[in-house]
């Protein structure tokens, strides 16, 4: 779970200033958690407390209203209704990694990921993005090979994971849709050598950097089992105590 959060924090600097290189400082004074982290923590808390996903998401978002939410989500979060708004945006995928860490069979992971998405992102692509992210985390956690992860995600969700980063990068631009960003984030993980490399490669695409690094970072933590101490410290030092407590509880309850 911290892998997703660290990816968000590292990528936050580049969301509005995209880059096309893996050569950048991991942290700067402007590095901060965004809505990706707030809602990832909300999903983790809901799992820990056996609470409704929508209630948890709305409560955490209202406590951190300036984290950079999309316009439709912001309206939903401020409203008194819990009706979803049909989004296919990558907000459903960015918050899904705790599902992959917490549940122990494919069908439950897919069901819980769909539930975590559908409270806001009930469009089929929004649900698919959350399911693909959570399933990739689950398969990585189970020790499946990258070729097996690639095949499983491709077969279930029809994402084209055969492309290379060098093919994607030159023409790729900011894309906040699940279908236009989740596959690319998973490809960055598949092409990586370790956790840090996965995050760097996700950001180097020059897209929705914090979200793509959040997705890639969650899968990479599950696969490599190790986040460099420098990144762990850099991320934790930028989190509120409330988030640190939830991360620690979650990782204690669902260890790799």
Protein backbone atom coordinates (compact mmCIF):
# COMPACT_ATOMS: atom_id res chain seq x y z
CA UNK A 1 0.00 0.00 0.00
CA UNK A 2 2.82 2.44 0.78
CA UNK A 3 4.15 1.72 -2.70
CA UNK A 4 1.08 3.33 -4.24
CA UNK A 5 1.27 6.31 -1.89
CA UNK A 6 4.97 6.91 -2.52
CA UNK A 7 4.33 6.78 -6.27
CA UNK A 8 1.66 9.45 -5.89
CA UNK A 9 3.93 11.72 -3.86
CA UNK A 10 6.88 11.33 -6.24
CA UNK A 11 4.65 11.89 -9.27
CA UNK A 12 2.85 14.90 -7.80
CA UNK A 13 5.51 17.34 -8.96
CA UNK A 14 5.12 16.26 -12.58
CA UNK A 15 1.34 16.12 -12.99
CA UNK A 16 1.18 19.66 -14.36
CA UNK A 17 4.75 19.63 -15.69
CA UNK A 18 5.12 16.29 -17.50
CA UNK A 19 8.53 14.93 -18.36
CA UNK A 20 9.75 12.28 -20.79
CA UNK A 21 12.77 10.98 -18.88
CA UNK A 22 13.52 8.74 -15.92
CA UNK A 23 16.23 11.17 -14.78
CA UNK A 24 14.68 13.35 -12.07
CA UNK A 25 14.87 13.93 -8.32
CA UNK A 26 12.55 11.62 -6.41
CA UNK A 27 11.54 14.27 -3.89
CA UNK A 28 11.55 18.04 -3.78
CA UNK A 29 10.03 20.70 -1.52
CA UNK A 30 6.95 20.59 -3.78
CA UNK A 31 6.41 16.83 -3.42
CA UNK A 32 3.13 16.16 -1.66
CA UNK A 33 0.36 13.61 -1.37
CA UNK A 34 -2.68 14.18 -3.58
CA UNK A 35 -6.18 12.81 -3.95
CA UNK A 36 -4.65 9.47 -4.98
CA UNK A 37 -3.24 9.01 -1.49
CA UNK A 38 -6.29 10.33 0.35
CA UNK A 39 -8.59 7.89 -1.41
CA UNK A 40 -6.16 4.96 -1.23
CA UNK A 41 -6.05 5.48 2.53
CA UNK A 42 -9.85 5.71 2.57
CA UNK A 43 -10.16 2.32 0.85
CA UNK A 44 -7.63 0.80 3.26
CA UNK A 45 -9.52 2.21 6.24
CA UNK A 46 -12.81 0.86 4.90
CA UNK A 47 -11.26 -2.61 4.60
CA UNK A 48 -9.74 -2.45 8.09
CA UNK A 49 -13.00 -1.28 9.67
CA UNK A 50 -15.35 -3.29 7.43
CA UNK A 51 -17.06 -0.07 6.37
CA UNK A 52 -18.83 0.98 3.21
CA UNK A 53 -16.44 2.20 0.52
CA UNK A 54 -18.54 5.20 -0.49
CA UNK A 55 -18.94 6.44 3.08
CA UNK A 56 -15.21 6.14 3.71
CA UNK A 57 -14.24 7.85 0.45
CA UNK A 58 -16.56 10.78 1.09
CA UNK A 59 -15.46 11.18 4.72
CA UNK A 60 -11.74 11.22 3.92
CA UNK A 61 -12.18 13.50 0.91
CA UNK A 62 -14.10 16.02 3.01
CA UNK A 63 -11.33 16.00 5.61
CA UNK A 64 -8.76 16.76 2.90
CA UNK A 65 -10.72 18.92 0.44
CA UNK A 66 -7.71 20.52 -1.23
CA UNK A 67 -6.00 17.37 -2.45
CA UNK A 68 -6.70 17.95 -6.15
CA UNK A 69 -9.90 16.07 -6.93
CA UNK A 70 -11.57 16.14 -10.33
CA UNK A 71 -14.57 18.40 -10.77
CA UNK A 72 -17.24 15.69 -10.88
CA UNK A 73 -15.79 13.94 -7.84
CA UNK A 74 -15.60 17.22 -5.94
CA UNK A 75 -19.28 17.88 -6.57
CA UNK A 76 -20.11 14.33 -5.45
CA UNK A 77 -18.00 14.64 -2.32
CA UNK A 78 -19.74 17.88 -1.30
CA UNK A 79 -23.22 16.59 -2.08
CA UNK A 80 -25.62 14.84 0.24
CA UNK A 81 -26.21 12.02 -2.24
CA UNK A 82 -24.12 8.90 -2.64
CA UNK A 83 -25.29 8.22 -6.18
CA UNK A 84 -22.40 7.46 -8.57
CA UNK A 85 -21.84 9.70 -11.55
CA UNK A 86 -20.80 7.30 -14.30
CA UNK A 87 -17.13 8.21 -14.48
CA UNK A 88 -14.56 6.29 -16.53
CA UNK A 89 -11.73 8.32 -15.01
CA UNK A 90 -8.62 6.79 -13.46
CA UNK A 91 -9.72 7.86 -9.99
CA UNK A 92 -11.13 4.38 -9.52
CA UNK A 93 -7.84 2.70 -10.43
CA UNK A 94 -5.61 4.97 -8.38
CA UNK A 95 -7.30 4.00 -5.10
CA UNK A 96 -7.69 0.25 -5.74
CA UNK A 97 -4.35 -1.19 -4.62
CA UNK A 98 -5.43 -1.97 -1.02
CA UNK A 99 -7.98 -4.41 -2.42
CA UNK A 100 -5.22 -6.40 -4.09
CA UNK A 101 -3.23 -6.54 -0.87
CA UNK A 102 -6.12 -7.45 1.42
CA UNK A 103 -8.11 -10.23 -0.24
CA UNK A 104 -7.00 -13.75 -0.99
CA UNK A 105 -8.74 -15.04 -4.10
CA UNK A 106 -9.32 -13.68 -7.58
CA UNK A 107 -13.09 -13.50 -7.47
CA UNK A 108 -13.13 -11.61 -4.17
CA UNK A 109 -10.49 -9.18 -5.43
CA UNK A 110 -12.52 -8.50 -8.57
CA UNK A 111 -15.76 -8.10 -6.62
CA UNK A 112 -14.27 -5.80 -4.00
CA UNK A 113 -12.47 -3.73 -6.64
CA UNK A 114 -15.72 -3.29 -8.52
CA UNK A 115 -17.41 -2.23 -5.30
CA UNK A 116 -14.69 0.27 -4.48
CA UNK A 117 -15.06 1.81 -7.94
CA UNK A 118 -18.82 1.74 -8.42
CA UNK A 119 -19.63 4.14 -5.59
CA UNK A 120 -18.44 6.90 -7.94
CA UNK A 121 -17.00 5.37 -11.13
CA UNK A 122 -19.79 3.03 -12.20
CA UNK A 123 -18.95 3.25 -15.90
CA UNK A 124 -17.68 -0.12 -17.20
CA UNK A 125 -14.25 1.37 -17.92
CA UNK A 126 -14.05 2.83 -14.43
CA UNK A 127 -14.79 -0.55 -12.92
CA UNK A 128 -12.40 -2.31 -15.29
CA UNK A 129 -9.53 0.02 -14.33
CA UNK A 130 -10.00 -0.63 -10.63
CA UNK A 131 -10.26 -4.37 -11.18
CA UNK A 132 -7.15 -4.49 -13.38
CA UNK A 133 -5.10 -2.56 -10.83
CA UNK A 134 -6.25 -4.62 -7.86
CA UNK A 135 -5.81 -7.90 -9.74
CA UNK A 136 -2.29 -6.95 -10.85
CA UNK A 137 -1.41 -6.22 -7.21
CA UNK A 138 -2.96 -9.52 -6.10
CA UNK A 139 -1.15 -11.58 -8.74
CA UNK A 140 2.15 -9.88 -7.94
CA UNK A 141 1.59 -10.54 -4.23
CA UNK A 142 0.93 -14.19 -5.02
CA UNK A 143 4.33 -14.50 -6.69
CA UNK A 144 3.10 -14.73 -10.26
CA UNK A 145 5.61 -13.91 -12.99
CA UNK A 146 5.41 -10.78 -15.09
CA UNK A 147 4.45 -12.83 -18.13
CA UNK A 148 1.60 -14.39 -16.15
CA UNK A 149 0.44 -10.98 -14.91
CA UNK A 150 0.59 -9.58 -18.45
CA UNK A 151 -1.40 -12.50 -19.83
CA UNK A 152 -4.03 -12.47 -17.08
CA UNK A 153 -4.69 -8.72 -17.30
CA UNK A 154 -4.74 -8.82 -21.10
CA UNK A 155 -7.14 -11.75 -21.26
CA UNK A 156 -9.56 -10.41 -18.66
CA UNK A 157 -9.65 -6.74 -19.57
CA UNK A 158 -8.46 -6.59 -23.20
CA UNK A 159 -5.77 -4.09 -22.30
CA UNK A 160 -2.94 -4.05 -24.84
CA UNK A 161 0.10 -4.70 -22.67
CA UNK A 162 2.29 -5.79 -25.58
CA UNK A 163 3.45 -2.23 -26.27
CA UNK A 164 6.83 -0.98 -25.10
CA UNK A 165 7.47 2.26 -23.24
CA UNK A 166 9.59 3.49 -26.15
CA UNK A 167 6.59 3.00 -28.42
CA UNK A 168 4.19 4.75 -26.05
CA UNK A 169 6.27 7.65 -24.78
CA UNK A 170 6.81 9.90 -27.85
CA UNK A 171 3.14 10.59 -28.53
CA UNK A 172 1.66 9.98 -25.10
CA UNK A 173 -0.01 12.89 -23.33
CA UNK A 174 -2.01 13.51 -20.17
CA UNK A 175 -4.94 11.10 -20.14
CA UNK A 176 -7.18 10.84 -17.08
CA UNK A 177 -9.27 7.94 -18.37
CA UNK A 178 -8.83 4.45 -16.99
CA UNK A 179 -8.51 2.98 -20.47
CA UNK A 180 -5.91 5.56 -21.45
CA UNK A 181 -3.70 5.44 -18.36
CA UNK A 182 -4.07 2.24 -16.33
CA UNK A 183 -2.64 -0.04 -19.06
CA UNK A 184 0.33 2.27 -19.50
CA UNK A 185 1.00 2.28 -15.76
CA UNK A 186 0.94 -1.52 -15.69
CA UNK A 187 3.30 -1.61 -18.68
CA UNK A 188 5.70 0.63 -16.74
CA UNK A 189 5.70 -1.94 -13.94
CA UNK A 190 6.17 -4.83 -16.37
CA UNK A 191 9.19 -3.08 -17.91
CA UNK A 192 10.80 -2.27 -14.56
CA UNK A 193 13.82 -3.72 -12.78
CA UNK A 194 12.77 -2.74 -9.23
CA UNK A 195 10.31 -0.55 -7.34
CA UNK A 196 12.07 2.75 -8.01
CA UNK A 197 12.46 1.93 -11.68
CA UNK A 198 8.73 1.22 -12.01
CA UNK A 199 7.82 4.62 -10.56
CA UNK A 200 10.39 6.44 -12.67
CA UNK A 201 9.18 4.74 -15.84
CA UNK A 202 5.53 5.47 -15.10
CA UNK A 203 6.33 9.16 -14.63
CA UNK A 204 8.56 9.25 -17.71
CA UNK A 205 5.56 8.65 -19.97
CA UNK A 206 4.59 12.28 -19.44
CA UNK A 207 0.96 11.61 -18.61
CA UNK A 208 -1.09 11.78 -15.42
CA UNK A 209 2.12 11.30 -13.51
CA UNK A 210 0.97 10.95 -9.92
CA UNK A 211 -1.81 8.52 -10.76
CA UNK A 212 0.28 6.40 -13.10
CA UNK A 213 3.09 6.23 -10.55
CA UNK A 214 0.52 5.38 -7.87
CA UNK A 215 -0.80 2.45 -9.91
CA UNK A 216 2.64 1.22 -10.97
CA UNK A 217 4.00 1.71 -7.46
CA UNK A 218 1.33 -0.40 -5.85
CA UNK A 219 1.94 -3.31 -8.21
CA UNK A 220 5.70 -2.92 -7.91
CA UNK A 221 5.62 -3.08 -4.10
CA UNK A 222 3.61 -6.30 -4.27
CA UNK A 223 6.00 -7.82 -6.82
CA UNK A 224 9.41 -6.71 -5.54
CA UNK A 225 8.48 -6.81 -1.83
CA UNK A 226 10.91 -4.00 -1.09
CA UNK A 227 10.77 -0.21 -1.30
CA UNK A 228 14.09 1.59 -0.83
CA UNK A 229 14.43 3.15 2.61
CA UNK A 230 14.98 6.58 1.06
CA UNK A 231 11.58 6.37 -0.61
CA UNK A 232 9.84 4.98 2.46
CA UNK A 233 11.20 7.82 4.57
CA UNK A 234 10.47 10.46 1.94
CA UNK A 235 6.86 9.34 1.65
CA UNK A 236 6.13 8.86 5.35
CA UNK A 237 7.62 12.26 6.18
CA UNK A 238 5.02 13.87 3.93
CA UNK A 239 1.98 12.14 5.38
CA UNK A 240 -0.35 13.21 8.21
CA UNK A 241 -0.17 11.09 11.35
CA UNK A 242 -3.66 9.79 10.61
CA UNK A 243 -2.49 8.30 7.32
CA UNK A 244 0.67 6.81 8.82
CA UNK A 245 -1.39 5.07 11.48
CA UNK A 246 -3.70 3.54 8.84
CA UNK A 247 -0.80 2.48 6.62
CA UNK A 248 0.92 0.81 9.57
CA UNK A 249 -2.25 -0.99 10.66
CA UNK A 250 -2.94 -2.12 7.11
CA UNK A 251 0.56 -3.43 6.46
CA UNK A 252 0.62 -5.18 9.82
CA UNK A 253 -2.69 -6.90 9.10
CA UNK A 254 -1.87 -7.71 5.47
CA UNK A 255 1.89 -8.30 5.35
CA UNK A 256 3.66 -9.27 2.16
